[in-house]
Amino acid sequence: MAIYEKRRKRKKNIDNFAKTKYWEGSSKVLLFYWER
């Protein structure tokens, strides 16, 4: 049970990390377009 919980938590962290990376990338692209 503990292993399962740990695995779920890790997946959640990875998902959050991916979302953060995605949003950082999008905002950089948007800034680039605004400045042009």
N, C-alpha and C. Protein backbone atom coordinates (compact mmCIF):
# COMPACT_ATOMS: atom_id res chain seq x y z
N MET A 1 0.84 -1.20 0.00
CA MET A 1 0.00 0.00 0.00
C MET A 1 0.88 1.25 0.00
N ALA A 2 1.90 1.25 0.82
CA ALA A 2 2.78 2.43 0.91
C ALA A 2 3.49 2.67 -0.42
N ILE A 3 3.90 1.57 -1.05
CA ILE A 3 4.60 1.70 -2.34
C ILE A 3 3.65 2.32 -3.37
N TYR A 4 2.40 1.86 -3.35
CA TYR A 4 1.41 2.37 -4.30
C TYR A 4 1.20 3.88 -4.10
N GLU A 5 1.09 4.27 -2.83
CA GLU A 5 0.91 5.70 -2.51
C GLU A 5 2.09 6.52 -3.01
N LYS A 6 3.29 5.99 -2.79
CA LYS A 6 4.50 6.70 -3.19
C LYS A 6 4.52 6.88 -4.71
N ARG A 7 4.14 5.81 -5.41
CA ARG A 7 4.15 5.86 -6.87
C ARG A 7 3.15 6.90 -7.37
N ARG A 8 1.97 6.93 -6.74
CA ARG A 8 0.95 7.89 -7.16
C ARG A 8 1.43 9.32 -6.94
N LYS A 9 2.10 9.53 -5.81
CA LYS A 9 2.60 10.86 -5.49
C LYS A 9 3.64 11.29 -6.52
N ARG A 10 4.51 10.33 -6.88
CA ARG A 10 5.56 10.65 -7.85
C ARG A 10 4.94 11.03 -9.19
N LYS A 11 3.90 10.28 -9.60
CA LYS A 11 3.24 10.58 -10.88
C LYS A 11 2.64 11.99 -10.84
N LYS A 12 2.04 12.33 -9.71
CA LYS A 12 1.45 13.66 -9.55
C LYS A 12 2.52 14.73 -9.68
N ASN A 13 3.67 14.49 -9.05
CA ASN A 13 4.76 15.44 -9.13
C ASN A 13 5.23 15.61 -10.57
N ILE A 14 5.33 14.50 -11.29
CA ILE A 14 5.77 14.55 -12.69
C ILE A 14 4.75 15.33 -13.52
N ASP A 15 3.46 15.09 -13.28
CA ASP A 15 2.41 15.81 -14.01
C ASP A 15 2.51 17.31 -13.74
N ASN A 16 2.69 17.67 -12.46
CA ASN A 16 2.81 19.08 -12.10
C ASN A 16 4.03 19.70 -12.77
N PHE A 17 5.13 18.96 -12.77
CA PHE A 17 6.37 19.43 -13.38
C PHE A 17 6.16 19.68 -14.87
N ALA A 18 5.48 18.74 -15.52
CA ALA A 18 5.22 18.87 -16.96
C ALA A 18 4.34 20.09 -17.23
N LYS A 19 3.31 20.28 -16.41
CA LYS A 19 2.43 21.44 -16.59
C LYS A 19 3.21 22.73 -16.43
N THR A 20 4.05 22.79 -15.39
CA THR A 20 4.84 24.00 -15.15
C THR A 20 5.74 24.30 -16.33
N LYS A 21 6.43 23.26 -16.82
CA LYS A 21 7.31 23.43 -17.97
C LYS A 21 6.51 23.93 -19.17
N TYR A 22 5.33 23.36 -19.38
CA TYR A 22 4.49 23.74 -20.51
C TYR A 22 4.09 25.20 -20.41
N TRP A 23 3.67 25.64 -19.23
CA TRP A 23 3.23 27.02 -19.05
C TRP A 23 4.40 27.98 -19.20
N GLU A 24 5.58 27.60 -18.68
CA GLU A 24 6.76 28.46 -18.84
C GLU A 24 7.06 28.63 -20.31
N GLY A 25 7.01 27.54 -21.06
CA GLY A 25 7.28 27.60 -22.49
C GLY A 25 6.27 28.48 -23.21
N SER A 26 4.98 28.34 -22.87
CA SER A 26 3.94 29.12 -23.54
C SER A 26 4.11 30.60 -23.26
N SER A 27 4.39 30.96 -22.00
CA SER A 27 4.52 32.37 -21.66
C SER A 27 5.73 32.98 -22.36
N LYS A 28 6.82 32.20 -22.50
CA LYS A 28 7.99 32.71 -23.21
C LYS A 28 7.65 32.97 -24.66
N VAL A 29 6.91 32.06 -25.28
CA VAL A 29 6.50 32.23 -26.68
C VAL A 29 5.61 33.46 -26.80
N LEU A 30 4.66 33.61 -25.86
CA LEU A 30 3.77 34.77 -25.91
C LEU A 30 4.55 36.07 -25.77
N LEU A 31 5.49 36.11 -24.84
CA LEU A 31 6.32 37.31 -24.66
C LEU A 31 7.07 37.63 -25.93
N PHE A 32 7.60 36.59 -26.56
CA PHE A 32 8.35 36.76 -27.80
C PHE A 32 7.47 37.41 -28.87
N TYR A 33 6.23 36.95 -28.97
CA TYR A 33 5.31 37.51 -29.97
C TYR A 33 4.93 38.94 -29.63
N TRP A 34 4.73 39.22 -28.34
CA TRP A 34 4.35 40.58 -27.93
C TRP A 34 5.46 41.57 -28.25
N GLU A 35 6.72 41.16 -28.02
CA GLU A 35 7.83 42.08 -28.22
C GLU A 35 8.07 42.37 -29.69
N ARG A 36 7.64 41.46 -30.58
CA ARG A 36 7.98 41.62 -31.98
C ARG A 36 7.17 42.71 -32.67
